[in-house]
Amino acid sequence: MDKGYDNVSAFYDRLSRLVFGRQLEEAQQWLLSFIPANATILIVGGGSGWIIDALSGQFLSGLNITYVDASPKMIAIAQKRFAGENTIRFIAEPIENVSFQEKFDIILTPFFFDNFTDARAASIFSSLHKVLGKDGLWLYTDFQRSASLKHRLLLKAMYYFFSVLCNIRTRKLPDMAVCFEAGNYVKVEECSFMNGFVSSLVYMVYTNDR
């Protein structure tokens, strides 16, 4: 997965809408209402960047966005999105290769952690945790483990497809609830989509020493 979703960048959004309709986009858009004006935002794994259009529709200016995706081709598409007068810095690198000096008001990880094993997801989570500022929010949306046979078969098919085309090395969803719990996060809000197959969650660190 060195170059992320380069191999599917040309048709990824169309494929997503064919399989899921607009439900994955709706799950992400639900989170945007929790972003305050003039926020400093880190978006990790944003893909083709349609969420930039959504953000600029809500905030024409004032946002300072750092946009990281491992796929240079996805970044190239994202750079063509309408950003209004918001400031955006694009980084085409795996998140493990990026170091930050600043802290962020918002971290947004849309359908990102499902690409990794438990160990790698935990390592990435730990790195991102360090750059979330005091009273910051982590906006998380992703697939969830489901008892539904339909959902389990769909997830299995997705992992097979992306393992072939994008070299995804895991076959199951990591348990991110364990990471958030270990990081002393509290769930502020939650909304489910696709009968519980997708969840969007707003987290805040419960501590006074950040």
Protein backbone atom coordinates (compact mmCIF):
# COMPACT_ATOMS: atom_id res chain seq x y z
CA MET A 1 0.00 0.00 0.00
CA ASP A 2 3.00 2.29 -0.52
CA LYS A 3 1.10 4.48 -2.99
CA GLY A 4 -2.27 3.87 -1.41
CA TYR A 5 -5.14 3.77 -3.82
CA ASP A 6 -3.26 4.96 -6.91
CA ASN A 7 -4.49 2.00 -8.96
CA VAL A 8 -8.16 2.78 -8.35
CA SER A 9 -8.02 6.58 -8.19
CA ALA A 10 -9.62 7.03 -11.61
CA PHE A 11 -12.81 5.20 -10.65
CA TYR A 12 -12.84 4.92 -6.85
CA ASP A 13 -15.64 7.44 -6.23
CA ARG A 14 -17.82 5.96 -8.95
CA LEU A 15 -17.28 2.46 -7.56
CA SER A 16 -18.13 3.60 -4.04
CA ARG A 17 -21.38 5.18 -5.18
CA LEU A 18 -22.25 2.11 -7.25
CA VAL A 19 -21.89 -0.16 -4.21
CA PHE A 20 -22.99 2.13 -1.37
CA GLY A 21 -24.88 4.97 -3.02
CA ARG A 22 -24.18 8.19 -1.12
CA GLN A 23 -24.18 6.56 2.31
CA LEU A 24 -20.42 6.69 2.87
CA GLU A 25 -20.43 10.37 1.95
CA GLU A 26 -23.41 10.99 4.24
CA ALA A 27 -21.53 9.33 7.11
CA GLN A 28 -18.65 11.76 6.62
CA GLN A 29 -20.83 14.82 6.08
CA TRP A 30 -22.60 14.15 9.38
CA LEU A 31 -19.28 14.81 11.13
CA LEU A 32 -18.69 18.19 9.51
CA SER A 33 -21.23 19.96 11.70
CA PHE A 34 -18.85 19.44 14.65
CA ILE A 35 -16.09 21.49 13.04
CA PRO A 36 -15.87 25.04 14.43
CA ALA A 37 -15.04 28.13 12.38
CA ASN A 38 -11.34 28.89 11.87
CA ALA A 39 -10.33 25.36 12.84
CA THR A 40 -6.97 23.78 12.13
CA ILE A 41 -7.80 20.41 10.58
CA LEU A 42 -5.79 17.28 9.79
CA ILE A 43 -7.48 15.00 7.25
CA VAL A 44 -5.83 11.60 6.91
CA GLY A 45 -6.77 9.29 4.05
CA GLY A 46 -9.16 11.71 2.41
CA GLY A 47 -8.79 10.12 -1.02
CA SER A 48 -10.05 12.10 -3.99
CA GLY A 49 -11.01 15.04 -1.82
CA TRP A 50 -14.74 15.41 -2.36
CA ILE A 51 -14.86 16.33 1.33
CA ILE A 52 -12.96 19.54 0.49
CA ASP A 53 -15.97 20.62 -1.58
CA ALA A 54 -18.23 19.81 1.37
CA LEU A 55 -16.05 21.77 3.79
CA SER A 56 -15.83 24.82 1.55
CA GLY A 57 -19.60 24.70 1.20
CA GLN A 58 -19.81 25.06 4.97
CA PHE A 59 -16.82 27.40 5.44
CA LEU A 60 -15.78 29.63 2.54
CA SER A 61 -12.76 30.81 4.49
CA GLY A 62 -10.95 30.52 7.80
CA LEU A 63 -9.99 26.83 7.79
CA ASN A 64 -6.38 25.70 7.83
CA ILE A 65 -6.33 22.16 6.44
CA THR A 66 -3.51 19.65 6.18
CA TYR A 67 -4.56 16.92 3.78
CA VAL A 68 -2.58 13.66 3.82
CA ASP A 69 -3.05 10.69 1.53
CA ALA A 70 -0.58 8.01 0.50
CA SER A 71 -1.74 8.12 -3.12
CA PRO A 72 -0.18 10.85 -5.30
CA LYS A 73 -2.94 10.31 -7.85
CA MET A 74 -5.64 10.84 -5.25
CA ILE A 75 -3.86 13.98 -4.07
CA ALA A 76 -3.74 15.26 -7.67
CA ILE A 77 -7.51 14.88 -7.91
CA ALA A 78 -8.05 16.48 -4.49
CA GLN A 79 -5.99 19.51 -5.49
CA LYS A 80 -8.57 20.35 -8.15
CA ARG A 81 -11.40 20.63 -5.64
CA PHE A 82 -12.98 23.95 -4.69
CA ALA A 83 -11.40 25.14 -1.46
CA GLY A 84 -12.83 28.66 -1.31
CA GLU A 85 -10.41 30.89 0.57
CA ASN A 86 -9.42 28.16 3.00
CA THR A 87 -5.74 27.25 3.29
CA ILE A 88 -4.86 23.67 2.31
CA ARG A 89 -1.51 21.92 2.43
CA PHE A 90 -1.43 18.64 0.51
CA ILE A 91 0.95 15.82 1.46
CA ALA A 92 1.22 12.73 -0.76
CA GLU A 93 2.83 10.35 1.72
CA PRO A 94 1.86 7.47 4.02
CA ILE A 95 0.97 9.06 7.33
CA GLU A 96 3.83 7.23 9.09
CA ASN A 97 6.28 9.22 6.96
CA VAL A 98 4.89 12.59 8.02
CA SER A 99 5.92 14.52 11.11
CA PHE A 100 4.04 17.53 12.44
CA GLN A 101 5.25 20.44 14.53
CA GLU A 102 1.78 21.87 15.10
CA LYS A 103 -1.29 20.66 16.98
CA PHE A 104 -4.70 20.33 15.35
CA ASP A 105 -8.17 21.30 16.54
CA ILE A 106 -9.69 18.51 14.45
CA ILE A 107 -8.42 15.16 13.22
CA LEU A 108 -10.60 13.55 10.57
CA THR A 109 -9.96 9.93 9.56
CA PRO A 110 -12.64 8.87 7.05
CA PHE A 111 -12.58 5.15 6.19
CA PHE A 112 -8.86 5.10 6.90
CA PHE A 113 -8.06 2.62 9.65
CA ASP A 114 -9.84 -0.26 7.91
CA ASN A 115 -6.74 -0.53 5.70
CA PHE A 116 -4.47 -1.72 8.50
CA THR A 117 -3.81 -4.59 10.86
CA ASP A 118 -4.51 -4.05 14.55
CA ALA A 119 -0.83 -3.45 15.28
CA ARG A 120 -0.26 -0.94 12.51
CA ALA A 121 -3.55 0.85 13.21
CA ALA A 122 -2.58 1.18 16.88
CA SER A 123 0.83 2.60 15.95
CA ILE A 124 -0.69 5.17 13.59
CA PHE A 125 -3.34 6.05 16.16
CA SER A 126 -0.67 6.73 18.77
CA SER A 127 1.18 9.10 16.42
CA LEU A 128 -1.97 11.02 15.53
CA HIS A 129 -3.06 11.21 19.15
CA LYS A 130 0.05 13.26 19.92
CA VAL A 131 -0.89 16.03 17.47
CA LEU A 132 -4.49 16.54 18.60
CA GLY A 133 -4.64 19.79 20.53
CA LYS A 134 -6.23 20.42 23.90
CA ASP A 135 -10.03 20.21 23.66
CA GLY A 136 -9.63 18.96 20.08
CA LEU A 137 -12.03 16.55 18.43
CA TRP A 138 -11.27 13.32 16.58
CA LEU A 139 -13.89 12.77 13.89
CA TYR A 140 -13.90 9.07 13.00
CA THR A 141 -16.01 7.19 10.49
CA ASP A 142 -15.51 3.64 9.26
CA PHE A 143 -17.02 0.23 8.73
CA GLN A 144 -17.97 -1.73 11.84
CA ARG A 145 -17.96 -5.43 12.59
CA SER A 146 -21.42 -6.75 11.87
CA ALA A 147 -23.39 -9.91 12.50
CA SER A 148 -25.13 -9.46 9.16
CA LEU A 149 -24.10 -12.10 6.60
CA LYS A 150 -24.59 -9.55 3.81
CA HIS A 151 -22.22 -7.09 5.51
CA ARG A 152 -19.61 -9.75 6.26
CA LEU A 153 -19.61 -10.99 2.66
CA LEU A 154 -19.39 -7.44 1.34
CA LEU A 155 -16.45 -6.69 3.63
CA LYS A 156 -14.70 -9.88 2.58
CA ALA A 157 -15.17 -8.99 -1.10
CA MET A 158 -13.86 -5.46 -0.48
CA TYR A 159 -10.73 -6.72 1.23
CA TYR A 160 -10.05 -9.18 -1.58
CA PHE A 161 -10.56 -6.53 -4.27
CA PHE A 162 -8.30 -3.96 -2.62
CA SER A 163 -5.66 -6.53 -1.67
CA VAL A 164 -5.25 -7.35 -5.37
CA LEU A 165 -5.32 -3.79 -6.70
CA CYS A 166 -3.85 -1.80 -3.79
CA ASN A 167 -1.85 -4.35 -1.80
CA ILE A 168 -3.96 -4.00 1.33
CA ARG A 169 -2.44 -6.45 3.80
CA THR A 170 -5.26 -7.04 6.24
CA ARG A 171 -8.45 -9.07 5.98
CA LYS A 172 -10.36 -7.80 8.99
CA LEU A 173 -11.31 -4.54 10.63
CA PRO A 174 -9.03 -3.38 13.43
CA ASP A 175 -10.61 -2.84 16.82
CA MET A 176 -10.31 0.94 17.02
CA ALA A 177 -12.57 1.18 20.06
CA VAL A 178 -9.68 -0.33 22.04
CA CYS A 179 -7.36 2.43 20.80
CA PHE A 180 -9.75 5.23 21.72
CA GLU A 181 -10.37 3.69 25.13
CA ALA A 182 -6.64 3.30 25.80
CA GLY A 183 -6.12 6.91 24.74
CA ASN A 184 -8.68 8.06 27.33
CA TYR A 185 -11.13 9.35 24.75
CA VAL A 186 -14.82 9.82 25.42
CA LYS A 187 -17.51 9.50 22.80
CA VAL A 188 -19.27 12.84 22.34
CA GLU A 189 -21.69 11.86 19.59
CA GLU A 190 -22.37 8.83 17.39
CA CYS A 191 -24.49 8.08 14.35
CA SER A 192 -24.94 4.78 12.50
CA PHE A 193 -25.48 4.22 8.79
CA MET A 194 -26.30 1.18 6.66
CA ASN A 195 -28.01 -0.62 9.54
CA GLY A 196 -24.94 -0.36 11.73
CA PHE A 197 -22.36 -1.37 9.12
CA VAL A 198 -20.92 2.15 9.20
CA SER A 199 -20.53 4.38 12.24
CA SER A 200 -19.51 8.02 12.57
CA LEU A 201 -18.19 9.03 15.97
CA VAL A 202 -16.99 12.23 17.59
CA TYR A 203 -14.29 11.69 20.23
CA MET A 204 -12.66 14.00 22.74
CA VAL A 205 -9.79 13.21 25.09
CA TYR A 206 -10.91 13.12 28.72
CA THR A 207 -7.88 14.59 30.48
CA ASN A 208 -6.64 17.84 31.96
CA ASP A 209 -2.94 17.44 31.22
CA ARG A 210 -2.70 17.91 27.45
